Amino acid sequence: PLEKVLEVAVERDLTFYDASYAYAAETLGLSLVTQDRELLRKSRAAIDVAAFLARL
């Protein structure tokens, strides 16, 4: 998985740290709840806090 995380980081211009969260959420089919604008733009799994809370 580390190679896949590195691939996500390079392809999406993310830090390895951010890419690890994006990769995990996308692979596991989970939502990545964040206020990080960059992650919101670059991860298919990312959702902002307000949108997440509205879904509850």
PDB file of N, CA and C in Angstrom:
ATOM      1  N   PRO A   1       0.794  -1.215   0.000  1.00  0.00           N
ATOM      2  CA  PRO A   1       0.000   0.000   0.000  1.00  0.00           C
ATOM      3  C   PRO A   1       0.838   1.283   0.000  1.00  0.00           C
ATOM      4  N   LEU A   2       2.041   1.243   0.534  1.00  0.00           N
ATOM      5  CA  LEU A   2       2.840   2.468   0.564  1.00  0.00           C
ATOM      6  C   LEU A   2       3.119   2.985  -0.836  1.00  0.00           C
ATOM      7  N   GLU A   3       3.335   2.069  -1.770  1.00  0.00           N
ATOM      8  CA  GLU A   3       3.574   2.481  -3.146  1.00  0.00           C
ATOM      9  C   GLU A   3       2.333   3.157  -3.730  1.00  0.00           C
ATOM     10  N   LYS A   4       1.173   2.638  -3.400  1.00  0.00           N
ATOM     11  CA  LYS A   4      -0.084   3.227  -3.885  1.00  0.00           C
ATOM     12  C   LYS A   4      -0.303   4.610  -3.285  1.00  0.00           C
ATOM     13  N   VAL A   5       0.020   4.774  -2.007  1.00  0.00           N
ATOM     14  CA  VAL A   5      -0.107   6.083  -1.364  1.00  0.00           C
ATOM     15  C   VAL A   5       0.835   7.072  -2.035  1.00  0.00           C
ATOM     16  N   LEU A   6       2.053   6.646  -2.308  1.00  0.00           N
ATOM     17  CA  LEU A   6       3.012   7.515  -2.988  1.00  0.00           C
ATOM     18  C   LEU A   6       2.501   7.887  -4.375  1.00  0.00           C
ATOM     19  N   GLU A   7       1.897   6.950  -5.063  1.00  0.00           N
ATOM     20  CA  GLU A   7       1.321   7.210  -6.385  1.00  0.00           C
ATOM     21  C   GLU A   7       0.223   8.277  -6.295  1.00  0.00           C
ATOM     22  N   VAL A   8      -0.654   8.159  -5.308  1.00  0.00           N
ATOM     23  CA  VAL A   8      -1.713   9.154  -5.097  1.00  0.00           C
ATOM     24  C   VAL A   8      -1.091  10.511  -4.796  1.00  0.00           C
ATOM     25  N   ALA A   9      -0.078  10.533  -3.952  1.00  0.00           N
ATOM     26  CA  ALA A   9       0.583  11.791  -3.582  1.00  0.00           C
ATOM     27  C   ALA A   9       1.164  12.488  -4.804  1.00  0.00           C
ATOM     28  N   VAL A  10       1.839  11.739  -5.644  1.00  0.00           N
ATOM     29  CA  VAL A  10       2.478  12.322  -6.827  1.00  0.00           C
ATOM     30  C   VAL A  10       1.432  12.741  -7.857  1.00  0.00           C
ATOM     31  N   GLU A  11       0.475  11.865  -8.142  1.00  0.00           N
ATOM     32  CA  GLU A  11      -0.536  12.160  -9.162  1.00  0.00           C
ATOM     33  C   GLU A  11      -1.406  13.359  -8.807  1.00  0.00           C
ATOM     34  N   ARG A  12      -1.683  13.533  -7.514  1.00  0.00           N
ATOM     35  CA  ARG A  12      -2.599  14.600  -7.096  1.00  0.00           C
ATOM     36  C   ARG A  12      -1.901  15.770  -6.420  1.00  0.00           C
ATOM     37  N   ASP A  13      -0.582  15.711  -6.387  1.00  0.00           N
ATOM     38  CA  ASP A  13       0.213  16.768  -5.756  1.00  0.00           C
ATOM     39  C   ASP A  13      -0.222  16.991  -4.303  1.00  0.00           C
ATOM     40  N   LEU A  14      -0.244  15.895  -3.547  1.00  0.00           N
ATOM     41  CA  LEU A  14      -0.582  15.928  -2.126  1.00  0.00           C
ATOM     42  C   LEU A  14       0.634  15.512  -1.312  1.00  0.00           C
ATOM     43  N   THR A  15       0.650  15.899  -0.044  1.00  0.00           N
ATOM     44  CA  THR A  15       1.688  15.371   0.835  1.00  0.00           C
ATOM     45  C   THR A  15       1.415  13.882   1.034  1.00  0.00           C
ATOM     46  N   PHE A  16       2.430  13.150   1.429  1.00  0.00           N
ATOM     47  CA  PHE A  16       2.251  11.726   1.690  1.00  0.00           C
ATOM     48  C   PHE A  16       1.217  11.531   2.796  1.00  0.00           C
ATOM     49  N   TYR A  17       1.266  12.383   3.792  1.00  0.00           N
ATOM     50  CA  TYR A  17       0.325  12.333   4.920  1.00  0.00           C
ATOM     51  C   TYR A  17      -1.116  12.469   4.424  1.00  0.00           C
ATOM     52  N   ASP A  18      -1.396  13.504   3.636  1.00  0.00           N
ATOM     53  CA  ASP A  18      -2.747  13.710   3.108  1.00  0.00           C
ATOM     54  C   ASP A  18      -3.144  12.586   2.156  1.00  0.00           C
ATOM     55  N   ALA A  19      -2.202  12.156   1.338  1.00  0.00           N
ATOM     56  CA  ALA A  19      -2.481  11.080   0.390  1.00  0.00           C
ATOM     57  C   ALA A  19      -2.829   9.783   1.108  1.00  0.00           C
ATOM     58  N   SER A  20      -2.229   9.543   2.266  1.00  0.00           N
ATOM     59  CA  SER A  20      -2.531   8.314   3.004  1.00  0.00           C
ATOM     60  C   SER A  20      -3.984   8.304   3.472  1.00  0.00           C
ATOM     61  N   TYR A  21      -4.484   9.444   3.921  1.00  0.00           N
ATOM     62  CA  TYR A  21      -5.891   9.530   4.318  1.00  0.00           C
ATOM     63  C   TYR A  21      -6.807   9.390   3.103  1.00  0.00           C
ATOM     64  N   ALA A  22      -6.473  10.058   2.016  1.00  0.00           N
ATOM     65  CA  ALA A  22      -7.281   9.973   0.800  1.00  0.00           C
ATOM     66  C   ALA A  22      -7.324   8.536   0.285  1.00  0.00           C
ATOM     67  N   TYR A  23      -6.171   7.900   0.218  1.00  0.00           N
ATOM     68  CA  TYR A  23      -6.095   6.521  -0.272  1.00  0.00           C
ATOM     69  C   TYR A  23      -6.910   5.580   0.613  1.00  0.00           C
ATOM     70  N   ALA A  24      -6.754   5.706   1.919  1.00  0.00           N
ATOM     71  CA  ALA A  24      -7.477   4.824   2.844  1.00  0.00           C
ATOM     72  C   ALA A  24      -8.985   5.000   2.693  1.00  0.00           C
ATOM     73  N   ALA A  25      -9.450   6.232   2.684  1.00  0.00           N
ATOM     74  CA  ALA A  25     -10.887   6.482   2.573  1.00  0.00           C
ATOM     75  C   ALA A  25     -11.437   5.969   1.247  1.00  0.00           C
ATOM     76  N   GLU A  26     -10.730   6.253   0.162  1.00  0.00           N
ATOM     77  CA  GLU A  26     -11.200   5.829  -1.159  1.00  0.00           C
ATOM     78  C   GLU A  26     -11.183   4.309  -1.297  1.00  0.00           C
ATOM     79  N   THR A  27     -10.154   3.667  -0.785  1.00  0.00           N
ATOM     80  CA  THR A  27     -10.031   2.220  -0.889  1.00  0.00           C
ATOM     81  C   THR A  27     -11.083   1.497  -0.056  1.00  0.00           C
ATOM     82  N   LEU A  28     -11.373   2.051   1.119  1.00  0.00           N
ATOM     83  CA  LEU A  28     -12.328   1.413   2.026  1.00  0.00           C
ATOM     84  C   LEU A  28     -13.770   1.871   1.806  1.00  0.00           C
ATOM     85  N   GLY A  29     -13.967   2.815   0.892  1.00  0.00           N
ATOM     86  CA  GLY A  29     -15.306   3.316   0.614  1.00  0.00           C
ATOM     87  C   GLY A  29     -15.876   4.158   1.739  1.00  0.00           C
ATOM     88  N   LEU A  30     -15.004   4.893   2.415  1.00  0.00           N
ATOM     89  CA  LEU A  30     -15.408   5.732   3.543  1.00  0.00           C
ATOM     90  C   LEU A  30     -15.377   7.201   3.168  1.00  0.00           C
ATOM     91  N   SER A  31     -16.077   8.009   3.953  1.00  0.00           N
ATOM     92  CA  SER A  31     -16.010   9.459   3.773  1.00  0.00           C
ATOM     93  C   SER A  31     -14.808  10.003   4.523  1.00  0.00           C
ATOM     94  N   LEU A  32     -14.137  10.953   3.920  1.00  0.00           N
ATOM     95  CA  LEU A  32     -13.016  11.650   4.551  1.00  0.00           C
ATOM     96  C   LEU A  32     -13.530  13.027   4.941  1.00  0.00           C
ATOM     97  N   VAL A  33     -13.916  13.180   6.194  1.00  0.00           N
ATOM     98  CA  VAL A  33     -14.498  14.430   6.677  1.00  0.00           C
ATOM     99  C   VAL A  33     -13.364  15.391   6.999  1.00  0.00           C
ATOM    100  N   THR A  34     -13.371  16.540   6.322  1.00  0.00           N
ATOM    101  CA  THR A  34     -12.255  17.473   6.460  1.00  0.00           C
ATOM    102  C   THR A  34     -12.697  18.896   6.149  1.00  0.00           C
ATOM    103  N   GLN A  35     -11.936  19.829   6.629  1.00  0.00           N
ATOM    104  CA  GLN A  35     -12.102  21.230   6.257  1.00  0.00           C
ATOM    105  C   GLN A  35     -10.939  21.669   5.357  1.00  0.00           C
ATOM    106  N   ASP A  36     -10.057  20.751   5.035  1.00  0.00           N
ATOM    107  CA  ASP A  36      -8.892  21.038   4.205  1.00  0.00           C
ATOM    108  C   ASP A  36      -9.343  21.217   2.754  1.00  0.00           C
ATOM    109  N   ARG A  37      -9.269  22.437   2.262  1.00  0.00           N
ATOM    110  CA  ARG A  37      -9.769  22.741   0.910  1.00  0.00           C
ATOM    111  C   ARG A  37      -9.051  21.937  -0.170  1.00  0.00           C
ATOM    112  N   GLU A  38      -7.759  21.731   0.003  1.00  0.00           N
ATOM    113  CA  GLU A  38      -7.000  20.969  -0.986  1.00  0.00           C
ATOM    114  C   GLU A  38      -7.500  19.524  -1.047  1.00  0.00           C
ATOM    115  N   LEU A  39      -7.687  18.904   0.099  1.00  0.00           N
ATOM    116  CA  LEU A  39      -8.208  17.536   0.114  1.00  0.00           C
ATOM    117  C   LEU A  39      -9.620  17.473  -0.453  1.00  0.00           C
ATOM    118  N   LEU A  40     -10.417  18.471  -0.168  1.00  0.00           N
ATOM    119  CA  LEU A  40     -11.774  18.500  -0.716  1.00  0.00           C
ATOM    120  C   LEU A  40     -11.751  18.530  -2.242  1.00  0.00           C
ATOM    121  N   ARG A  41     -10.777  19.200  -2.821  1.00  0.00           N
ATOM    122  CA  ARG A  41     -10.660  19.273  -4.282  1.00  0.00           C
ATOM    123  C   ARG A  41     -10.051  18.003  -4.873  1.00  0.00           C
ATOM    124  N   LYS A  42      -9.140  17.376  -4.144  1.00  0.00           N
ATOM    125  CA  LYS A  42      -8.320  16.324  -4.741  1.00  0.00           C
ATOM    126  C   LYS A  42      -8.671  14.893  -4.344  1.00  0.00           C
ATOM    127  N   SER A  43      -9.592  14.716  -3.421  1.00  0.00           N
ATOM    128  CA  SER A  43      -9.981  13.364  -3.016  1.00  0.00           C
ATOM    129  C   SER A  43     -11.454  13.138  -3.305  1.00  0.00           C
ATOM    130  N   ARG A  44     -11.740  12.050  -3.987  1.00  0.00           N
ATOM    131  CA  ARG A  44     -13.130  11.700  -4.296  1.00  0.00           C
ATOM    132  C   ARG A  44     -13.926  11.369  -3.031  1.00  0.00           C
ATOM    133  N   ALA A  45     -13.245  10.990  -1.967  1.00  0.00           N
ATOM    134  CA  ALA A  45     -13.921  10.595  -0.728  1.00  0.00           C
ATOM    135  C   ALA A  45     -14.149  11.757   0.224  1.00  0.00           C
ATOM    136  N   ALA A  46     -13.545  12.900  -0.053  1.00  0.00           N
ATOM    137  CA  ALA A  46     -13.596  14.023   0.886  1.00  0.00           C
ATOM    138  C   ALA A  46     -14.949  14.716   0.878  1.00  0.00           C
ATOM    139  N   ILE A  47     -15.389  15.083   2.066  1.00  0.00           N
ATOM    140  CA  ILE A  47     -16.637  15.818   2.251  1.00  0.00           C
ATOM    141  C   ILE A  47     -16.403  16.811   3.388  1.00  0.00           C
ATOM    142  N   ASP A  48     -16.940  18.012   3.251  1.00  0.00           N
ATOM    143  CA  ASP A  48     -16.704  18.976   4.330  1.00  0.00           C
ATOM    144  C   ASP A  48     -17.617  18.674   5.519  1.00  0.00           C
ATOM    145  N   VAL A  49     -17.247  19.227   6.659  1.00  0.00           N
ATOM    146  CA  VAL A  49     -17.928  18.919   7.912  1.00  0.00           C
ATOM    147  C   VAL A  49     -19.415  19.257   7.844  1.00  0.00           C
ATOM    148  N   ALA A  50     -19.761  20.434   7.324  1.00  0.00           N
ATOM    149  CA  ALA A  50     -21.167  20.846   7.254  1.00  0.00           C
ATOM    150  C   ALA A  50     -21.984  19.876   6.400  1.00  0.00           C
ATOM    151  N   ALA A  51     -21.452  19.474   5.267  1.00  0.00           N
ATOM    152  CA  ALA A  51     -22.161  18.531   4.397  1.00  0.00           C
ATOM    153  C   ALA A  51     -22.314  17.174   5.075  1.00  0.00           C
ATOM    154  N   PHE A  52     -21.285  16.758   5.780  1.00  0.00           N
ATOM    155  CA  PHE A  52     -21.351  15.486   6.498  1.00  0.00           C
ATOM    156  C   PHE A  52     -22.428  15.527   7.576  1.00  0.00           C
ATOM    157  N   LEU A  53     -22.439  16.597   8.360  1.00  0.00           N
ATOM    158  CA  LEU A  53     -23.424  16.723   9.434  1.00  0.00           C
ATOM    159  C   LEU A  53     -24.843  16.809   8.887  1.00  0.00           C
ATOM    160  N   ALA A  54     -25.007  17.421   7.729  1.00  0.00           N
ATOM    161  CA  ALA A  54     -26.330  17.535   7.117  1.00  0.00           C
ATOM    162  C   ALA A  54     -26.875  16.169   6.701  1.00  0.00           C
ATOM    163  N   ARG A  55     -25.982  15.229   6.438  1.00  0.00           N
ATOM    164  CA  ARG A  55     -26.404  13.885   6.033  1.00  0.00           C
ATOM    165  C   ARG A  55     -26.837  13.017   7.205  1.00  0.00           C
ATOM    166  N   LEU A  56     -26.547  13.437   8.424  1.00  0.00           N
ATOM    167  CA  LEU A  56     -26.880  12.613   9.600  1.00  0.00           C
ATOM    168  C   LEU A  56     -28.355  12.648   9.912  1.00  0.00           C
TER     169      LEU A  56
END
